[in-house]
Amino acid sequence: MARLRIDFDLRSKLLRASGGTINLCYQCGSCTASCLISPGLPVRTIMRKAQIGVLDDGSSWKCLSCRYCEVTCPRGVRISDVIRGYRIMLYENKSVPERLVECLWKIYDYGNPLGAPRRERLVWAKGLEVFSSGEAAIYSCCMNAYDKRLQYAAKSLVEVLLKAGIKVSVLEGENCCGDIVYNTGEEYYLEELAQSNISVLEKLKPTVILTLSPHCYNMLKNIYPRYGAKPPAPVLHYTQYIAELITSGRIKPGNLNAKVTYHDPCYLGRWSNIYEEPRTIIQHINGVKFVEMEHNRENSLCCGGGGGAFWMENMESRKVTRERLTEAKNTEAELMSTACPYCIRMFEDELKIVRYSIRVVDVVEILRESLR
């Protein structure tokens, strides 16, 4: 029988990472039972290893960081924080999936995990009336900046805001928010990246900072301040901002005759508790028939791309993507809306295989279409 090496320093670090909640775990197994990629990810085993101070074998890299397991945990254990604590240690031990290492180097060399040229970061805004300073500064996710399909969501956001009479600015010199750096456990480079992005934002002197990606929202609002990088203005996900503009009467949605369902992104929902604002936008559009999927809000399924799975092409997460698409298909909706670029790309790529007759769109794209 193999001997386990107990590392008390490791145990102490994971205890701090979880805010002490790892001690609350009594091994009921709810986490493993509810894990969306179980049995591929033995969450219960990982939690027990953390309690006694045993290094993870690398299975934590499979985690989608969706926090679905935390919804079912009866003891409130911060499971995702334990997983990340392990990833930090695995990174320090140079035990990192090769694809994530490639992403880190691309961010370091090009400012984005796609390896696209820095000079093309703002190509999406060409031809739009944007400024070097303004009321709302848009922090565009790397996906929205470089992916031609996802650029449409960024353009739609600018056009909707301009119709409301809001002066929009974009960031010259913007880099990746560092979400993948954070999830890989590279602490020191993340601090450098955060400071760099905040210095760019400070030059714009915005009243509000808007993000298209829930991942960027989480990084700027919740993670950057931990590294001494405080945003110069309130950070909002665009759905929060637009929902308020609609309810206050500054934006009057038009007409769109369509049956629409909505997918809650994990980082917008379970991570940030933003559930109602996207629905407010959709339900204010005249002619829209809104329908919920079986799993919604805090019980929403994941798109399968979180926690770095998008970049690693985690095949185990594919079944999660397909299961969510099947739920959307079962609503008989014409449009599956969401508010995260990663979710859109995950669902659209899987649709090329399953070929369901449903179109995936960003919430702001629906709103813009109604305003034409």
Protein backbone atom coordinates (compact mmCIF):
# COMPACT_ATOMS: atom_id res chain seq x y z
CA MET A 1 0.00 0.00 0.00
CA ALA A 2 1.44 3.38 -1.05
CA ARG A 3 2.25 5.80 1.74
CA LEU A 4 0.77 9.29 1.80
CA ARG A 5 3.08 12.21 2.48
CA ILE A 6 1.41 14.70 4.81
CA ASP A 7 2.45 18.31 4.22
CA PHE A 8 1.33 20.52 7.09
CA ASP A 9 2.39 23.69 5.29
CA LEU A 10 0.24 22.72 2.31
CA ARG A 11 -2.65 22.01 4.65
CA SER A 12 -2.31 25.46 6.25
CA LYS A 13 -2.24 27.19 2.87
CA LEU A 14 -5.39 25.42 1.68
CA LEU A 15 -7.10 26.18 4.97
CA ARG A 16 -6.40 29.88 4.45
CA ALA A 17 -7.43 29.70 0.78
CA SER A 18 -10.83 28.34 1.78
CA GLY A 19 -11.31 30.89 4.56
CA GLY A 20 -11.24 28.02 7.03
CA THR A 21 -14.27 26.35 5.45
CA ILE A 22 -12.37 23.20 4.44
CA ASN A 23 -12.62 22.10 8.07
CA LEU A 24 -16.42 22.12 7.74
CA CYS A 25 -16.36 19.32 5.17
CA TYR A 26 -17.64 16.04 6.65
CA GLN A 27 -17.23 14.02 3.47
CA CYS A 28 -20.93 13.66 2.60
CA GLY A 29 -20.05 13.39 -1.09
CA SER A 30 -22.60 15.96 -2.31
CA CYS A 31 -19.87 17.74 -4.26
CA THR A 32 -18.88 14.67 -6.27
CA ALA A 33 -22.50 13.66 -6.78
CA SER A 34 -23.43 17.07 -8.17
CA CYS A 35 -20.23 17.76 -10.15
CA LEU A 36 -21.15 18.28 -13.79
CA ILE A 37 -18.18 16.25 -15.04
CA SER A 38 -18.30 13.54 -12.35
CA PRO A 39 -16.81 10.92 -12.14
CA GLY A 40 -13.99 12.60 -14.06
CA LEU A 41 -13.38 15.01 -11.19
CA PRO A 42 -13.26 13.35 -7.73
CA VAL A 43 -14.17 16.48 -5.74
CA ARG A 44 -14.76 14.64 -2.47
CA THR A 45 -11.30 13.04 -2.69
CA ILE A 46 -9.69 16.40 -3.41
CA MET A 47 -11.41 17.92 -0.37
CA ARG A 48 -10.19 15.11 1.87
CA LYS A 49 -6.64 15.47 0.58
CA ALA A 50 -6.80 19.17 1.37
CA GLN A 51 -8.00 18.47 4.91
CA ILE A 52 -5.08 16.20 5.74
CA GLY A 53 -2.41 17.98 3.67
CA VAL A 54 -1.79 15.75 0.65
CA LEU A 55 -0.81 17.24 -2.72
CA ASP A 56 -3.35 16.84 -5.51
CA ASP A 57 -2.34 14.53 -8.37
CA GLY A 58 -3.39 17.09 -10.99
CA SER A 59 -7.07 16.23 -11.26
CA SER A 60 -7.97 19.75 -10.11
CA TRP A 61 -7.07 21.00 -13.61
CA LYS A 62 -10.29 19.37 -14.83
CA CYS A 63 -12.47 21.64 -12.67
CA LEU A 64 -14.74 23.99 -14.64
CA SER A 65 -14.83 26.46 -11.69
CA CYS A 66 -18.60 26.60 -12.22
CA ARG A 67 -19.39 26.42 -8.48
CA TYR A 68 -22.29 24.05 -9.12
CA CYS A 69 -20.95 21.82 -6.34
CA GLU A 70 -21.02 24.76 -3.90
CA VAL A 71 -24.75 25.20 -4.44
CA THR A 72 -25.32 21.68 -3.15
CA CYS A 73 -22.71 21.69 -0.35
CA PRO A 74 -24.61 21.60 2.99
CA ARG A 75 -21.67 23.10 4.88
CA GLY A 76 -20.78 26.09 2.72
CA VAL A 77 -17.27 24.89 1.84
CA ARG A 78 -15.54 27.20 -0.65
CA ILE A 79 -14.63 24.33 -2.93
CA SER A 80 -13.51 26.49 -5.88
CA ASP A 81 -11.02 28.29 -3.61
CA VAL A 82 -9.54 24.97 -2.51
CA ILE A 83 -9.22 23.90 -6.15
CA ARG A 84 -7.42 27.12 -7.02
CA GLY A 85 -5.18 26.75 -3.97
CA TYR A 86 -4.10 23.40 -5.33
CA ARG A 87 -3.53 24.90 -8.77
CA ILE A 88 -1.20 27.52 -7.30
CA MET A 89 0.88 24.74 -5.76
CA LEU A 90 0.82 22.67 -8.92
CA TYR A 91 1.99 25.72 -10.84
CA GLU A 92 4.84 26.23 -8.38
CA ASN A 93 5.78 22.58 -8.92
CA LYS A 94 5.70 23.13 -12.71
CA SER A 95 2.87 20.62 -13.09
CA VAL A 96 0.64 22.56 -15.50
CA PRO A 97 -1.16 21.38 -18.66
CA GLU A 98 0.87 22.37 -21.70
CA ARG A 99 -2.01 24.25 -23.32
CA LEU A 100 -2.34 26.54 -20.30
CA VAL A 101 1.39 27.23 -20.37
CA GLU A 102 1.02 28.21 -24.04
CA CYS A 103 -1.80 30.60 -23.09
CA LEU A 104 0.35 32.26 -20.44
CA TRP A 105 3.17 32.85 -22.90
CA LYS A 106 0.78 34.28 -25.48
CA ILE A 107 -0.62 36.70 -22.90
CA TYR A 108 2.91 37.70 -21.94
CA ASP A 109 4.03 38.18 -25.56
CA TYR A 110 0.84 39.48 -27.18
CA GLY A 111 -1.46 40.61 -24.38
CA ASN A 112 -4.07 37.94 -25.17
CA PRO A 113 -4.34 34.11 -24.98
CA LEU A 114 -5.14 33.86 -28.68
CA GLY A 115 -1.72 35.09 -29.76
CA ALA A 116 -3.30 37.80 -31.93
CA PRO A 117 -1.28 40.99 -32.67
CA ARG A 118 -1.62 43.76 -30.08
CA ARG A 119 -2.18 46.32 -32.84
CA GLU A 120 -5.44 44.59 -33.78
CA ARG A 121 -6.99 44.79 -30.30
CA LEU A 122 -9.30 47.68 -31.21
CA VAL A 123 -10.08 46.72 -34.80
CA TRP A 124 -13.60 45.80 -33.66
CA ALA A 125 -14.28 49.47 -32.80
CA LYS A 126 -13.24 50.79 -36.22
CA GLY A 127 -15.99 52.92 -37.73
CA LEU A 128 -17.82 53.32 -34.42
CA GLU A 129 -18.15 56.64 -32.63
CA VAL A 130 -15.86 55.96 -29.69
CA PHE A 131 -13.58 58.33 -27.79
CA SER A 132 -10.39 58.42 -25.77
CA SER A 133 -12.47 59.41 -22.73
CA GLY A 134 -16.15 59.25 -21.94
CA GLU A 135 -18.92 58.40 -19.53
CA ALA A 136 -18.66 54.63 -20.05
CA ALA A 137 -15.37 52.85 -20.68
CA ILE A 138 -15.73 49.44 -22.31
CA TYR A 139 -13.25 46.79 -21.24
CA SER A 140 -13.53 44.26 -24.04
CA CYS A 141 -12.75 40.62 -23.37
CA CYS A 142 -9.99 39.18 -25.59
CA MET A 143 -12.64 37.03 -27.26
CA ASN A 144 -14.83 40.04 -28.10
CA ALA A 145 -11.80 41.95 -29.32
CA TYR A 146 -10.35 39.34 -31.68
CA ASP A 147 -13.01 36.74 -32.53
CA LYS A 148 -14.89 38.05 -35.57
CA ARG A 149 -18.15 36.44 -34.46
CA LEU A 150 -17.90 37.86 -30.94
CA GLN A 151 -16.88 41.31 -32.13
CA TYR A 152 -20.51 41.74 -33.12
CA ALA A 153 -21.54 41.74 -29.45
CA ALA A 154 -19.01 44.48 -28.65
CA LYS A 155 -20.20 46.58 -31.57
CA SER A 156 -23.82 46.04 -30.53
CA LEU A 157 -23.06 47.31 -27.03
CA VAL A 158 -21.48 50.50 -28.36
CA GLU A 159 -24.39 51.15 -30.73
CA VAL A 160 -27.00 50.59 -28.00
CA LEU A 161 -25.20 53.00 -25.66
CA LEU A 162 -24.83 55.62 -28.38
CA LYS A 163 -28.58 55.46 -29.02
CA ALA A 164 -29.05 56.28 -25.34
CA GLY A 165 -26.82 59.34 -25.73
CA ILE A 166 -23.94 57.88 -23.74
CA LYS A 167 -20.40 58.80 -24.70
CA VAL A 168 -18.33 55.63 -24.96
CA SER A 169 -14.57 55.20 -24.62
CA VAL A 170 -12.35 52.20 -25.37
CA LEU A 171 -8.97 51.26 -23.95
CA GLU A 172 -5.84 51.90 -25.98
CA GLY A 173 -3.20 49.54 -24.55
CA GLU A 174 -5.67 47.14 -22.96
CA ASN A 175 -4.41 43.63 -22.20
CA CYS A 176 -6.07 40.37 -21.17
CA CYS A 177 -7.87 40.70 -17.83
CA GLY A 178 -5.86 37.74 -16.56
CA ASP A 179 -8.71 35.34 -15.79
CA ILE A 180 -6.78 32.41 -17.22
CA VAL A 181 -3.64 33.59 -15.40
CA TYR A 182 -5.61 33.62 -12.16
CA ASN A 183 -7.06 30.16 -12.79
CA THR A 184 -3.63 28.79 -13.60
CA GLY A 185 -2.26 30.03 -10.28
CA GLU A 186 0.43 32.38 -11.66
CA GLU A 187 0.27 34.93 -8.83
CA TYR A 188 3.19 37.22 -9.65
CA TYR A 189 2.41 37.85 -13.31
CA LEU A 190 -1.25 38.45 -12.44
CA GLU A 191 -0.23 41.32 -10.16
CA GLU A 192 1.78 42.89 -12.98
CA LEU A 193 -1.07 42.47 -15.45
CA ALA A 194 -3.63 43.96 -13.07
CA GLN A 195 -1.52 47.04 -12.39
CA SER A 196 -0.97 47.57 -16.13
CA ASN A 197 -4.67 47.40 -17.00
CA ILE A 198 -5.69 49.71 -14.17
CA SER A 199 -3.13 52.32 -15.26
CA VAL A 200 -4.73 52.30 -18.73
CA LEU A 201 -8.22 52.69 -17.24
CA GLU A 202 -7.11 55.60 -15.08
CA LYS A 203 -6.18 57.60 -18.18
CA LEU A 204 -9.76 57.41 -19.48
CA LYS A 205 -11.27 58.94 -16.32
CA PRO A 206 -14.55 57.02 -16.81
CA THR A 207 -17.71 57.36 -14.75
CA VAL A 208 -18.33 53.63 -15.10
CA ILE A 209 -16.35 50.66 -16.46
CA LEU A 210 -18.40 48.15 -18.45
CA THR A 211 -17.35 44.59 -19.25
CA LEU A 212 -18.82 42.24 -21.83
CA SER A 213 -17.40 39.15 -20.17
CA PRO A 214 -18.41 37.98 -16.67
CA HIS A 215 -14.84 36.76 -16.30
CA CYS A 216 -13.48 40.27 -16.86
CA TYR A 217 -16.13 41.61 -14.48
CA ASN A 218 -15.01 39.25 -11.74
CA MET A 219 -11.34 40.04 -12.28
CA LEU A 220 -11.67 43.84 -12.30
CA LYS A 221 -14.23 44.08 -9.51
CA ASN A 222 -13.24 41.30 -7.13
CA ILE A 223 -9.73 40.04 -7.89
CA TYR A 224 -7.70 43.12 -8.91
CA PRO A 225 -8.17 44.92 -5.56
CA ARG A 226 -6.53 41.94 -3.81
CA TYR A 227 -3.41 42.70 -5.81
CA GLY A 228 -3.39 46.42 -5.08
CA ALA A 229 -5.03 47.36 -8.38
CA LYS A 230 -8.22 49.27 -7.64
CA PRO A 231 -10.37 50.33 -10.63
CA PRO A 232 -10.82 54.13 -10.94
CA ALA A 233 -14.62 53.83 -11.32
CA PRO A 234 -17.41 51.36 -10.48
CA VAL A 235 -17.19 48.14 -12.51
CA LEU A 236 -20.44 46.77 -13.95
CA HIS A 237 -21.32 43.96 -16.28
CA TYR A 238 -23.07 45.60 -19.21
CA THR A 239 -26.38 43.85 -18.40
CA GLN A 240 -26.53 45.67 -15.06
CA TYR A 241 -25.98 49.03 -16.74
CA ILE A 242 -28.40 48.52 -19.62
CA ALA A 243 -31.13 47.07 -17.39
CA GLU A 244 -31.02 50.28 -15.35
CA LEU A 245 -31.13 52.40 -18.52
CA ILE A 246 -34.23 50.50 -19.63
CA THR A 247 -36.09 50.73 -16.33
CA SER A 248 -35.26 54.44 -16.07
CA GLY A 249 -36.57 55.08 -19.58
CA ARG A 250 -33.27 56.13 -21.21
CA ILE A 251 -33.44 53.12 -23.52
CA LYS A 252 -36.75 52.04 -25.03
CA PRO A 253 -36.45 48.54 -26.52
CA GLY A 254 -38.10 47.95 -29.88
CA ASN A 255 -39.82 44.91 -31.34
CA LEU A 256 -38.59 41.39 -31.95
CA ASN A 257 -41.00 38.54 -32.55
CA ALA A 258 -39.11 35.54 -31.22
CA LYS A 259 -39.20 32.86 -28.56
CA VAL A 260 -36.12 33.33 -26.39
CA THR A 261 -34.50 31.39 -23.56
CA TYR A 262 -31.56 32.51 -21.42
CA HIS A 263 -28.48 30.68 -20.19
CA ASP A 264 -26.97 31.95 -16.91
CA PRO A 265 -23.16 32.06 -17.28
CA CYS A 266 -21.48 30.62 -14.18
CA TYR A 267 -19.33 33.73 -13.62
CA LEU A 268 -22.29 36.07 -14.00
CA GLY A 269 -24.65 33.96 -11.92
CA ARG A 270 -23.10 31.83 -9.19
CA TRP A 271 -19.90 33.90 -9.03
CA SER A 272 -21.45 37.38 -9.19
CA ASN A 273 -25.12 36.88 -8.26
CA ILE A 274 -26.35 38.66 -11.40
CA TYR A 275 -29.49 36.82 -12.48
CA GLU A 276 -32.34 39.27 -13.04
CA GLU A 277 -30.72 42.05 -15.10
CA PRO A 278 -30.26 40.00 -18.31
CA ARG A 279 -33.85 38.78 -17.97
CA THR A 280 -35.03 42.36 -17.46
CA ILE A 281 -33.49 43.36 -20.79
CA ILE A 282 -35.00 40.41 -22.67
CA GLN A 283 -38.47 40.73 -21.15
CA HIS A 284 -38.69 44.45 -21.97
CA ILE A 285 -38.31 43.77 -25.70
CA ASN A 286 -41.73 43.91 -27.34
CA GLY A 287 -42.86 40.71 -29.02
CA VAL A 288 -40.41 38.43 -27.22
CA LYS A 289 -41.81 35.29 -25.62
CA PHE A 290 -39.40 34.39 -22.82
CA VAL A 291 -39.08 30.80 -21.60
CA GLU A 292 -36.82 29.34 -18.90
CA MET A 293 -34.77 26.19 -19.21
CA GLU A 294 -35.16 23.42 -16.65
CA HIS A 295 -31.98 24.49 -14.85
CA ASN A 296 -31.78 28.24 -14.34
CA ARG A 297 -30.34 30.92 -12.07
CA GLU A 298 -28.19 29.37 -9.28
CA ASN A 299 -29.02 25.87 -10.60
CA SER A 300 -27.99 26.67 -14.18
CA LEU A 301 -25.75 24.18 -15.93
CA CYS A 302 -22.32 25.26 -17.17
CA CYS A 303 -21.35 25.81 -20.80
CA GLY A 304 -18.31 23.60 -20.21
CA GLY A 305 -15.66 26.25 -20.84
CA GLY A 306 -14.79 27.60 -17.40
CA GLY A 307 -11.70 27.09 -15.26
CA GLY A 308 -9.44 27.00 -18.32
CA ALA A 309 -11.35 24.13 -19.98
CA PHE A 310 -12.01 26.36 -23.00
CA TRP A 311 -8.28 26.62 -23.66
CA MET A 312 -7.43 23.01 -22.78
CA GLU A 313 -10.20 21.55 -24.94
CA ASN A 314 -11.36 19.46 -22.00
CA MET A 315 -13.26 16.63 -23.70
CA GLU A 316 -15.06 15.68 -20.48
CA SER A 317 -16.73 19.08 -20.46
CA ARG A 318 -18.25 18.49 -23.91
CA LYS A 319 -21.08 16.45 -22.41
CA VAL A 320 -21.93 19.44 -20.22
CA THR A 321 -22.10 21.71 -23.26
CA ARG A 322 -24.32 19.28 -25.12
CA GLU A 323 -26.62 18.70 -22.14
CA ARG A 324 -27.21 22.45 -21.83
CA LEU A 325 -27.94 22.78 -25.54
CA THR A 326 -30.43 19.95 -25.26
CA GLU A 327 -32.22 21.83 -22.47
CA ALA A 328 -32.39 24.90 -24.67
CA LYS A 329 -33.74 22.85 -27.58
CA ASN A 330 -36.43 21.36 -25.35
CA THR A 331 -37.86 24.85 -24.66
CA GLU A 332 -38.55 25.12 -28.41
CA ALA A 333 -36.98 28.59 -28.33
CA GLU A 334 -35.62 30.08 -31.53
CA LEU A 335 -32.89 32.01 -29.72
CA MET A 336 -30.62 30.85 -26.88
CA SER A 337 -29.32 34.05 -25.33
CA THR A 338 -26.51 34.49 -22.85
CA ALA A 339 -24.12 37.21 -21.70
CA CYS A 340 -20.66 35.63 -21.89
CA PRO A 341 -18.38 35.30 -24.93
CA TYR A 342 -17.03 31.93 -23.77
CA CYS A 343 -20.54 30.50 -23.46
CA ILE A 344 -21.42 31.69 -26.96
CA ARG A 345 -18.34 30.14 -28.48
CA MET A 346 -18.77 26.84 -26.59
CA PHE A 347 -22.40 26.49 -27.63
CA GLU A 348 -21.88 27.56 -31.24
CA ASP A 349 -18.99 25.14 -31.70
CA GLU A 350 -21.04 22.25 -30.30
CA LEU A 351 -24.01 23.20 -32.49
CA LYS A 352 -21.84 22.46 -35.51
CA ILE A 353 -21.95 18.84 -34.37
CA VAL A 354 -25.45 18.36 -32.92
CA ARG A 355 -27.08 20.71 -35.45
CA TYR A 356 -30.03 21.78 -33.31
CA SER A 357 -32.22 24.43 -34.94
CA ILE A 358 -31.51 27.14 -32.37
CA ARG A 359 -29.38 30.27 -32.68
CA VAL A 360 -27.02 31.39 -29.91
CA VAL A 361 -26.84 35.15 -29.34
CA ASP A 362 -25.64 37.66 -26.79
CA VAL A 363 -28.38 39.52 -24.90
CA VAL A 364 -27.12 42.85 -26.24
CA GLU A 365 -27.39 41.53 -29.79
CA ILE A 366 -31.09 40.85 -29.26
CA LEU A 367 -31.60 44.34 -27.89
CA ARG A 368 -29.75 45.94 -30.78
CA GLU A 369 -31.77 43.93 -33.29
CA SER A 370 -35.00 45.18 -31.70
CA LEU A 371 -33.86 48.80 -32.00
CA ARG A 372 -33.34 48.72 -35.76
